[in-house]
């Protein structure tokens, strides 16, 4: 057999073997990081303990669906993200929203239920569970006034909204 033909066969064999290995390892990695059917979205090797936590940090639910929204900062449309992108991992807020001037609010559950002033110039009645859900989905405070336009108006299913509210309640305990 011609030496050049032998080398071509060796090269094709190595490329083919390498491709097979990449597919096998890629499939194995996918199986490790994807959420299992019927779980609370604990993909990424168990990074999120609940669907609500996953929504809070990523803006995606346990089915891997990106939660649709309107309004909010422009970078959110390109890069995605959840509540934590503005309100912080602990829900305390207090930082300027990236590429904007608004200061994020403290969204810890107990804080939202207080009758005290909720932020600079924010005087309104305390939130209830229904009013928190309305703030998340419609962008209205308890008095019915619009929240800052940097607050996205999330279009969550009832299940996802309830899961997110349960996660917010746990922020007081430090999740």
N, C-alpha and C. Protein backbone atom coordinates (compact mmCIF):
# COMPACT_ATOMS: atom_id res chain seq x y z
N UNK A 1 0.84 -1.17 0.00
CA UNK A 1 0.00 0.00 0.00
C UNK A 1 0.89 1.24 0.00
N UNK A 2 0.44 2.23 -0.68
CA UNK A 2 1.17 3.49 -0.80
C UNK A 2 1.31 4.13 0.59
N UNK A 3 2.50 4.72 0.88
CA UNK A 3 2.74 5.35 2.18
C UNK A 3 1.79 6.51 2.43
N UNK A 4 1.49 7.29 1.39
CA UNK A 4 0.59 8.43 1.57
C UNK A 4 -0.82 7.95 1.93
N UNK A 5 -1.27 6.89 1.30
CA UNK A 5 -2.58 6.34 1.61
C UNK A 5 -2.63 5.84 3.05
N UNK A 6 -1.55 5.23 3.49
CA UNK A 6 -1.48 4.75 4.88
C UNK A 6 -1.60 5.92 5.85
N UNK A 7 -0.91 7.00 5.59
CA UNK A 7 -0.99 8.17 6.46
C UNK A 7 -2.39 8.77 6.46
N UNK A 8 -3.03 8.83 5.31
CA UNK A 8 -4.39 9.36 5.23
C UNK A 8 -5.34 8.50 6.05
N UNK A 9 -5.19 7.20 5.99
CA UNK A 9 -6.04 6.30 6.77
C UNK A 9 -5.81 6.50 8.27
N UNK A 10 -4.57 6.68 8.66
CA UNK A 10 -4.26 6.93 10.07
C UNK A 10 -4.89 8.25 10.52
N UNK A 11 -4.76 9.29 9.73
CA UNK A 11 -5.32 10.60 10.08
C UNK A 11 -6.84 10.53 10.17
N UNK A 12 -7.49 9.91 9.19
CA UNK A 12 -8.94 9.78 9.20
C UNK A 12 -9.38 8.97 10.43
N UNK A 13 -8.66 7.91 10.75
CA UNK A 13 -8.98 7.09 11.92
C UNK A 13 -8.88 7.87 13.21
N UNK A 14 -7.82 8.66 13.36
CA UNK A 14 -7.63 9.46 14.57
C UNK A 14 -8.74 10.52 14.69
N UNK A 15 -9.07 11.18 13.59
CA UNK A 15 -10.13 12.19 13.60
C UNK A 15 -11.47 11.54 13.96
N UNK A 16 -11.75 10.40 13.37
CA UNK A 16 -13.00 9.69 13.66
C UNK A 16 -13.06 9.25 15.12
N UNK A 17 -11.99 8.69 15.64
CA UNK A 17 -11.94 8.28 17.04
C UNK A 17 -12.09 9.48 17.97
N UNK A 18 -11.43 10.59 17.65
CA UNK A 18 -11.54 11.81 18.45
C UNK A 18 -12.97 12.33 18.47
N UNK A 19 -13.63 12.29 17.33
CA UNK A 19 -15.03 12.75 17.24
C UNK A 19 -15.94 11.89 18.11
N UNK A 20 -15.73 10.60 18.06
CA UNK A 20 -16.54 9.69 18.87
C UNK A 20 -16.32 9.96 20.36
N UNK A 21 -15.09 10.18 20.77
CA UNK A 21 -14.81 10.47 22.18
C UNK A 21 -15.45 11.79 22.63
N UNK A 22 -15.41 12.80 21.77
CA UNK A 22 -16.03 14.09 22.10
C UNK A 22 -17.53 13.92 22.30
N UNK A 23 -18.18 13.17 21.42
CA UNK A 23 -19.62 12.94 21.54
C UNK A 23 -19.93 12.16 22.82
N UNK A 24 -19.15 11.15 23.13
CA UNK A 24 -19.39 10.36 24.34
C UNK A 24 -19.21 11.19 25.60
N UNK A 25 -18.12 11.94 25.69
CA UNK A 25 -17.89 12.77 26.88
C UNK A 25 -18.90 13.90 26.97
N UNK A 26 -19.28 14.48 25.83
CA UNK A 26 -20.30 15.54 25.83
C UNK A 26 -21.63 15.02 26.34
N UNK A 27 -22.02 13.82 25.89
CA UNK A 27 -23.26 13.20 26.36
C UNK A 27 -23.22 12.92 27.84
N UNK A 28 -22.10 12.43 28.32
CA UNK A 28 -21.95 12.14 29.74
C UNK A 28 -22.05 13.44 30.56
N UNK A 29 -21.40 14.49 30.11
CA UNK A 29 -21.47 15.78 30.80
C UNK A 29 -22.90 16.30 30.81
N UNK A 30 -23.61 16.17 29.70
CA UNK A 30 -25.00 16.61 29.64
C UNK A 30 -25.85 15.87 30.68
N UNK A 31 -25.64 14.58 30.80
CA UNK A 31 -26.41 13.80 31.77
C UNK A 31 -26.11 14.24 33.20
N UNK A 32 -24.90 14.69 33.45
CA UNK A 32 -24.53 15.12 34.80
C UNK A 32 -25.14 16.46 35.17
N UNK A 33 -25.27 17.39 34.20
CA UNK A 33 -25.68 18.75 34.56
C UNK A 33 -27.14 19.06 34.29
N UNK A 34 -27.83 18.25 33.51
CA UNK A 34 -29.24 18.56 33.21
C UNK A 34 -30.11 18.21 34.41
N UNK A 35 -31.26 18.93 34.56
CA UNK A 35 -32.18 18.56 35.62
C UNK A 35 -32.86 17.24 35.27
N UNK A 36 -33.03 16.39 36.24
CA UNK A 36 -33.73 15.14 36.01
C UNK A 36 -35.23 15.40 35.93
N UNK A 37 -35.93 14.61 35.17
CA UNK A 37 -37.37 14.78 35.03
C UNK A 37 -38.03 14.68 36.40
N UNK A 38 -38.95 15.62 36.67
CA UNK A 38 -39.69 15.58 37.92
C UNK A 38 -38.97 16.17 39.11
N UNK A 39 -37.78 16.75 38.92
CA UNK A 39 -37.07 17.35 40.05
C UNK A 39 -37.38 18.83 40.10
N UNK A 40 -36.89 19.47 41.13
CA UNK A 40 -37.13 20.90 41.30
C UNK A 40 -36.08 21.72 40.58
N UNK A 41 -35.56 21.25 39.50
CA UNK A 41 -34.62 22.05 38.73
C UNK A 41 -33.24 22.05 39.34
N UNK A 42 -32.77 20.94 39.79
CA UNK A 42 -31.48 20.90 40.44
C UNK A 42 -30.38 20.50 39.46
N UNK A 43 -30.41 21.07 38.28
CA UNK A 43 -29.35 20.83 37.31
C UNK A 43 -28.06 21.43 37.82
N UNK A 44 -27.08 21.48 36.98
CA UNK A 44 -25.77 22.01 37.36
C UNK A 44 -25.28 21.35 38.64
N UNK A 45 -25.40 20.03 38.66
CA UNK A 45 -24.91 19.21 39.77
C UNK A 45 -25.49 19.64 41.11
N UNK A 46 -26.79 19.96 41.13
CA UNK A 46 -27.48 20.27 42.38
C UNK A 46 -27.27 21.68 42.89
N UNK A 47 -26.95 22.61 42.02
CA UNK A 47 -26.67 23.98 42.44
C UNK A 47 -27.89 24.66 43.07
N UNK A 48 -29.09 24.37 42.56
CA UNK A 48 -30.29 25.03 43.07
C UNK A 48 -31.15 24.02 43.82
N UNK A 49 -31.54 24.38 45.02
CA UNK A 49 -32.31 23.47 45.86
C UNK A 49 -33.80 23.48 45.59
N UNK A 50 -34.28 24.46 44.82
CA UNK A 50 -35.71 24.54 44.54
C UNK A 50 -35.92 25.29 43.23
N UNK A 51 -37.13 25.16 42.70
CA UNK A 51 -37.49 25.89 41.49
C UNK A 51 -37.45 27.40 41.77
N UNK A 52 -37.94 27.81 42.94
CA UNK A 52 -37.93 29.23 43.30
C UNK A 52 -36.52 29.81 43.36
N UNK A 53 -35.59 29.03 43.90
CA UNK A 53 -34.19 29.49 43.96
C UNK A 53 -33.61 29.63 42.56
N UNK A 54 -33.90 28.67 41.71
CA UNK A 54 -33.40 28.73 40.33
C UNK A 54 -33.94 29.96 39.62
N UNK A 55 -35.24 30.23 39.78
CA UNK A 55 -35.84 31.43 39.16
C UNK A 55 -35.17 32.68 39.71
N UNK A 56 -34.97 32.74 41.03
CA UNK A 56 -34.38 33.91 41.67
C UNK A 56 -32.99 34.22 41.11
N UNK A 57 -32.19 33.19 40.90
CA UNK A 57 -30.81 33.41 40.46
C UNK A 57 -30.63 33.45 38.95
N UNK A 58 -31.46 32.74 38.20
CA UNK A 58 -31.20 32.62 36.76
C UNK A 58 -32.30 33.16 35.85
N UNK A 59 -33.50 33.33 36.38
CA UNK A 59 -34.61 33.73 35.51
C UNK A 59 -35.09 32.59 34.64
N UNK A 60 -34.72 31.36 35.00
CA UNK A 60 -35.21 30.18 34.30
C UNK A 60 -35.87 29.27 35.32
N UNK A 61 -36.80 28.44 34.86
CA UNK A 61 -37.49 27.54 35.79
C UNK A 61 -36.90 26.13 35.72
N UNK A 62 -37.48 25.23 36.50
CA UNK A 62 -36.95 23.87 36.60
C UNK A 62 -37.09 23.09 35.30
N UNK A 63 -37.93 23.59 34.38
CA UNK A 63 -38.05 22.95 33.08
C UNK A 63 -37.03 23.50 32.11
N UNK A 64 -36.17 24.40 32.58
CA UNK A 64 -35.14 24.99 31.74
C UNK A 64 -35.65 26.11 30.85
N UNK A 65 -36.87 26.57 31.10
CA UNK A 65 -37.45 27.63 30.28
C UNK A 65 -37.07 29.00 30.84
N UNK A 66 -36.68 29.90 29.96
CA UNK A 66 -36.41 31.27 30.38
C UNK A 66 -37.75 31.94 30.67
N UNK A 67 -37.85 32.59 31.81
CA UNK A 67 -39.10 33.25 32.20
C UNK A 67 -39.24 34.51 31.35
N UNK A 68 -40.34 34.64 30.59
CA UNK A 68 -40.51 35.86 29.78
C UNK A 68 -40.81 37.07 30.66
N UNK A 69 -40.47 38.24 30.17
CA UNK A 69 -40.70 39.48 30.92
C UNK A 69 -40.78 40.64 29.95
N UNK A 70 -41.25 41.76 30.47
CA UNK A 70 -41.20 43.01 29.71
C UNK A 70 -40.57 44.04 30.62
N UNK A 71 -40.08 45.12 30.03
CA UNK A 71 -39.41 46.15 30.81
C UNK A 71 -38.09 45.65 31.35
N UNK A 72 -37.60 46.32 32.37
CA UNK A 72 -36.34 45.92 32.97
C UNK A 72 -35.14 46.46 32.21
N UNK A 73 -33.95 46.24 32.76
CA UNK A 73 -32.74 46.74 32.10
C UNK A 73 -32.49 46.02 30.77
N UNK A 74 -31.93 46.72 29.82
CA UNK A 74 -31.69 46.19 28.48
C UNK A 74 -30.76 44.98 28.49
N UNK A 75 -29.76 44.98 29.36
CA UNK A 75 -28.81 43.87 29.37
C UNK A 75 -29.49 42.56 29.74
N UNK A 76 -30.61 42.62 30.45
CA UNK A 76 -31.32 41.41 30.85
C UNK A 76 -31.84 40.64 29.64
N UNK A 77 -32.20 41.36 28.57
CA UNK A 77 -32.69 40.71 27.36
C UNK A 77 -31.58 39.92 26.67
N UNK A 78 -30.38 40.43 26.73
CA UNK A 78 -29.25 39.77 26.06
C UNK A 78 -28.61 38.68 26.91
N UNK A 79 -28.39 38.98 28.17
CA UNK A 79 -27.60 38.09 29.02
C UNK A 79 -28.44 37.24 29.96
N UNK A 80 -29.71 37.58 30.12
CA UNK A 80 -30.56 36.84 31.04
C UNK A 80 -30.20 37.15 32.48
N UNK A 81 -30.88 36.51 33.37
CA UNK A 81 -30.64 36.70 34.79
C UNK A 81 -31.96 36.70 35.54
N UNK A 82 -31.86 36.68 36.83
CA UNK A 82 -33.05 36.67 37.67
C UNK A 82 -33.01 37.81 38.66
N UNK A 83 -33.76 37.67 39.72
CA UNK A 83 -33.89 38.70 40.74
C UNK A 83 -32.54 39.07 41.36
N UNK A 84 -31.69 38.06 41.56
CA UNK A 84 -30.40 38.29 42.22
C UNK A 84 -29.50 39.23 41.45
N UNK A 85 -29.70 39.35 40.14
CA UNK A 85 -28.85 40.24 39.33
C UNK A 85 -28.96 41.68 39.81
N UNK A 86 -30.11 42.06 40.34
CA UNK A 86 -30.30 43.43 40.83
C UNK A 86 -30.41 43.49 42.35
N UNK A 87 -31.11 42.54 42.95
CA UNK A 87 -31.39 42.59 44.39
C UNK A 87 -30.33 41.89 45.23
N UNK A 88 -29.37 41.23 44.59
CA UNK A 88 -28.31 40.55 45.30
C UNK A 88 -28.71 39.15 45.73
N UNK A 89 -27.72 38.35 46.06
CA UNK A 89 -27.99 36.96 46.43
C UNK A 89 -28.78 36.84 47.72
N UNK A 90 -28.69 37.88 48.57
CA UNK A 90 -29.40 37.83 49.85
C UNK A 90 -30.72 38.61 49.83
N UNK A 91 -31.04 39.27 48.71
CA UNK A 91 -32.29 40.02 48.58
C UNK A 91 -32.29 41.39 49.21
N UNK A 92 -31.16 41.82 49.76
CA UNK A 92 -31.10 43.10 50.48
C UNK A 92 -31.08 44.32 49.55
N UNK A 93 -30.72 44.13 48.27
CA UNK A 93 -30.67 45.26 47.35
C UNK A 93 -29.66 46.29 47.81
N UNK A 94 -29.97 47.57 47.55
CA UNK A 94 -29.12 48.66 48.00
C UNK A 94 -28.03 49.06 47.04
N UNK A 95 -27.90 48.37 45.91
CA UNK A 95 -26.86 48.69 44.94
C UNK A 95 -27.48 49.27 43.68
N UNK A 96 -26.73 50.12 42.99
CA UNK A 96 -27.26 50.63 41.72
C UNK A 96 -27.43 49.48 40.72
N UNK A 97 -28.49 49.56 39.94
CA UNK A 97 -28.73 48.57 38.89
C UNK A 97 -27.68 48.78 37.81
N UNK A 98 -27.08 47.69 37.35
CA UNK A 98 -26.03 47.79 36.33
C UNK A 98 -26.54 48.60 35.13
N UNK A 99 -25.73 49.52 34.69
CA UNK A 99 -26.00 50.39 33.54
C UNK A 99 -27.23 51.27 33.77
N UNK A 100 -27.47 51.65 35.02
CA UNK A 100 -28.60 52.51 35.34
C UNK A 100 -28.33 53.31 36.59
N UNK A 101 -29.32 54.04 37.03
CA UNK A 101 -29.15 54.87 38.23
C UNK A 101 -30.05 54.45 39.38
N UNK A 102 -31.01 53.58 39.11
CA UNK A 102 -31.93 53.13 40.17
C UNK A 102 -31.18 52.28 41.19
N UNK A 103 -31.61 52.36 42.43
CA UNK A 103 -31.05 51.55 43.51
C UNK A 103 -32.05 50.43 43.80
N UNK A 104 -31.57 49.20 43.79
CA UNK A 104 -32.48 48.07 43.99
C UNK A 104 -33.00 48.04 45.42
N UNK A 105 -34.24 47.59 45.55
CA UNK A 105 -34.92 47.53 46.85
C UNK A 105 -34.56 46.26 47.61
N UNK A 106 -34.77 46.32 48.91
CA UNK A 106 -34.66 45.15 49.78
C UNK A 106 -35.94 44.34 49.57
N UNK A 107 -35.82 43.11 49.09
CA UNK A 107 -37.01 42.30 48.81
C UNK A 107 -37.12 41.10 49.74
N UNK A 108 -36.42 41.15 50.88
CA UNK A 108 -36.61 40.08 51.85
C UNK A 108 -38.05 40.16 52.36
N UNK A 109 -38.65 39.02 52.53
CA UNK A 109 -40.08 38.92 52.83
C UNK A 109 -40.48 39.73 54.05
N UNK A 110 -39.78 39.57 55.17
CA UNK A 110 -40.15 40.30 56.39
C UNK A 110 -40.05 41.81 56.18
N UNK A 111 -39.08 42.25 55.40
CA UNK A 111 -38.93 43.67 55.12
C UNK A 111 -40.13 44.19 54.31
N UNK A 112 -40.58 43.40 53.35
CA UNK A 112 -41.71 43.82 52.53
C UNK A 112 -43.00 43.92 53.34
N UNK A 113 -43.12 43.14 54.40
CA UNK A 113 -44.33 43.15 55.23
C UNK A 113 -44.37 44.29 56.24
N UNK A 114 -43.22 44.96 56.44
CA UNK A 114 -43.15 46.05 57.41
C UNK A 114 -43.87 47.28 56.90
N UNK A 115 -44.37 48.09 57.84
CA UNK A 115 -45.06 49.33 57.47
C UNK A 115 -44.09 50.50 57.37
N UNK A 116 -42.83 50.27 57.71
CA UNK A 116 -41.84 51.34 57.66
C UNK A 116 -41.60 51.77 56.22
N UNK A 117 -40.86 52.86 56.08
CA UNK A 117 -40.46 53.31 54.74
C UNK A 117 -39.59 52.23 54.12
N UNK A 118 -39.84 51.90 52.87
CA UNK A 118 -39.16 50.78 52.21
C UNK A 118 -37.94 51.20 51.41
N UNK A 119 -37.68 52.42 51.29
CA UNK A 119 -36.53 52.90 50.54
C UNK A 119 -36.66 54.41 50.45
N UNK A 120 -35.72 55.01 49.77
CA UNK A 120 -35.72 56.46 49.65
C UNK A 120 -37.00 56.95 48.99
N UNK A 121 -37.85 57.60 49.76
CA UNK A 121 -39.09 58.15 49.23
C UNK A 121 -40.18 57.12 48.97
N UNK A 122 -40.00 55.90 49.40
CA UNK A 122 -40.99 54.85 49.16
C UNK A 122 -41.89 54.69 50.38
N UNK A 123 -42.98 55.42 50.41
CA UNK A 123 -43.93 55.24 51.50
C UNK A 123 -45.19 54.66 50.91
N UNK A 124 -45.56 53.49 51.40
CA UNK A 124 -46.77 52.81 50.94
C UNK A 124 -47.14 51.78 51.99
N UNK A 125 -48.35 51.24 51.88
CA UNK A 125 -48.76 50.19 52.83
C UNK A 125 -47.83 48.98 52.71
N UNK A 126 -47.85 48.10 53.68
CA UNK A 126 -47.02 46.90 53.58
C UNK A 126 -47.54 45.97 52.48
N UNK A 127 -46.65 45.13 52.01
CA UNK A 127 -47.03 44.14 51.01
C UNK A 127 -47.75 42.97 51.68
N UNK A 128 -48.55 42.28 50.91
CA UNK A 128 -49.12 40.98 51.26
C UNK A 128 -48.61 40.00 50.20
N UNK A 129 -48.88 38.73 50.35
CA UNK A 129 -48.45 37.77 49.33
C UNK A 129 -49.01 38.16 47.96
N UNK A 130 -50.30 38.52 47.92
CA UNK A 130 -50.93 38.89 46.64
C UNK A 130 -50.28 40.15 46.05
N UNK A 131 -49.93 41.10 46.91
CA UNK A 131 -49.31 42.34 46.41
C UNK A 131 -47.86 42.12 45.98
N UNK A 132 -47.17 41.19 46.61
CA UNK A 132 -45.82 40.84 46.16
C UNK A 132 -45.90 40.22 44.76
N UNK A 133 -46.85 39.32 44.58
CA UNK A 133 -47.04 38.70 43.26
C UNK A 133 -47.38 39.76 42.22
N UNK A 134 -48.20 40.73 42.60
CA UNK A 134 -48.55 41.82 41.67
C UNK A 134 -47.34 42.67 41.33
N UNK A 135 -46.49 42.93 42.31
CA UNK A 135 -45.28 43.71 42.06
C UNK A 135 -44.37 42.98 41.07
N UNK A 136 -44.25 41.67 41.23
CA UNK A 136 -43.38 40.88 40.36
C UNK A 136 -43.94 40.83 38.93
N UNK A 137 -45.25 40.68 38.80
CA UNK A 137 -45.84 40.46 37.48
C UNK A 137 -46.33 41.74 36.81
N UNK A 138 -46.75 42.73 37.60
CA UNK A 138 -47.30 43.94 37.01
C UNK A 138 -46.48 45.19 37.29
N UNK A 139 -45.51 45.08 38.20
CA UNK A 139 -44.67 46.24 38.52
C UNK A 139 -45.39 47.33 39.27
N UNK A 140 -46.27 46.95 40.21
CA UNK A 140 -47.00 47.94 41.01
C UNK A 140 -46.69 47.74 42.48
N UNK A 141 -46.53 48.86 43.22
CA UNK A 141 -46.31 48.76 44.66
C UNK A 141 -47.66 48.55 45.36
N UNK A 142 -47.69 48.38 46.69
CA UNK A 142 -48.96 48.11 47.38
C UNK A 142 -50.00 49.21 47.22
N UNK A 143 -49.57 50.44 46.98
CA UNK A 143 -50.52 51.55 46.78
C UNK A 143 -51.02 51.61 45.34
N UNK A 144 -50.52 50.71 44.49
CA UNK A 144 -50.94 50.70 43.09
C UNK A 144 -50.12 51.60 42.19
N UNK A 145 -49.04 52.18 42.75
CA UNK A 145 -48.17 53.05 41.96
C UNK A 145 -47.13 52.20 41.21
N UNK A 146 -46.76 52.62 40.01
CA UNK A 146 -45.77 51.84 39.25
C UNK A 146 -44.39 51.84 39.92
N UNK A 147 -43.76 50.68 39.91
CA UNK A 147 -42.37 50.58 40.36
C UNK A 147 -41.48 51.16 39.27
N UNK A 148 -40.22 51.38 39.59
CA UNK A 148 -39.27 51.90 38.62
C UNK A 148 -39.26 51.01 37.38
N UNK A 149 -39.03 51.60 36.22
CA UNK A 149 -39.04 50.84 34.97
C UNK A 149 -37.91 49.82 34.88
N UNK A 150 -36.92 49.91 35.76
CA UNK A 150 -35.87 48.89 35.75
C UNK A 150 -36.35 47.58 36.34
N UNK A 151 -37.52 47.59 36.99
CA UNK A 151 -38.10 46.35 37.52
C UNK A 151 -38.83 45.64 36.38
N UNK A 152 -38.32 44.46 35.97
CA UNK A 152 -39.01 43.72 34.91
C UNK A 152 -40.40 43.29 35.37
N UNK A 153 -41.29 43.16 34.43
CA UNK A 153 -42.63 42.64 34.69
C UNK A 153 -42.59 41.19 34.20
N UNK A 154 -42.40 40.27 35.14
CA UNK A 154 -42.19 38.86 34.82
C UNK A 154 -43.53 38.17 34.52
N UNK A 155 -43.53 37.32 33.50
CA UNK A 155 -44.73 36.55 33.15
C UNK A 155 -44.50 35.10 33.59
N UNK A 156 -44.79 34.85 34.85
CA UNK A 156 -44.57 33.53 35.46
C UNK A 156 -45.87 32.73 35.49
N UNK A 157 -45.75 31.43 35.40
CA UNK A 157 -46.91 30.56 35.63
C UNK A 157 -47.25 30.66 37.12
N UNK A 158 -48.45 30.23 37.48
CA UNK A 158 -48.84 30.25 38.90
C UNK A 158 -47.86 29.42 39.74
N UNK A 159 -47.48 28.27 39.22
CA UNK A 159 -46.54 27.39 39.95
C UNK A 159 -45.20 28.10 40.17
N UNK A 160 -44.66 28.69 39.11
CA UNK A 160 -43.37 29.37 39.22
C UNK A 160 -43.46 30.57 40.16
N UNK A 161 -44.56 31.32 40.08
CA UNK A 161 -44.73 32.50 40.94
C UNK A 161 -44.82 32.07 42.41
N UNK A 162 -45.57 31.01 42.69
CA UNK A 162 -45.67 30.51 44.06
C UNK A 162 -44.32 30.00 44.56
N UNK A 163 -43.58 29.31 43.70
CA UNK A 163 -42.25 28.81 44.09
C UNK A 163 -41.30 29.97 44.39
N UNK A 164 -41.36 31.02 43.58
CA UNK A 164 -40.50 32.19 43.80
C UNK A 164 -40.87 32.87 45.12
N UNK A 165 -42.16 33.02 45.38
CA UNK A 165 -42.59 33.64 46.64
C UNK A 165 -42.11 32.84 47.84
N UNK A 166 -42.20 31.52 47.76
CA UNK A 166 -41.70 30.67 48.85
C UNK A 166 -40.19 30.87 49.05
N UNK A 167 -39.45 31.02 47.96
CA UNK A 167 -38.02 31.26 48.08
C UNK A 167 -37.76 32.62 48.74
N UNK A 168 -38.53 33.64 48.36
CA UNK A 168 -38.35 34.97 48.97
C UNK A 168 -38.60 34.89 50.47
N UNK A 169 -39.57 34.12 50.89
CA UNK A 169 -39.86 33.96 52.33
C UNK A 169 -38.65 33.36 53.04
N UNK A 170 -37.91 32.50 52.37
CA UNK A 170 -36.74 31.89 52.97
C UNK A 170 -35.51 32.77 53.01
N UNK A 171 -35.51 33.88 52.29
CA UNK A 171 -34.35 34.79 52.32
C UNK A 171 -34.11 35.34 53.71
N UNK A 172 -35.16 35.47 54.51
CA UNK A 172 -35.01 35.96 55.87
C UNK A 172 -34.20 35.02 56.73
N UNK A 173 -34.26 33.73 56.42
CA UNK A 173 -33.50 32.73 57.18
C UNK A 173 -32.12 32.53 56.58
N UNK A 174 -31.81 33.22 55.51
CA UNK A 174 -30.50 33.12 54.90
C UNK A 174 -30.36 31.97 53.93
N UNK A 175 -31.50 31.36 53.53
CA UNK A 175 -31.49 30.25 52.55
C UNK A 175 -30.18 29.52 52.55
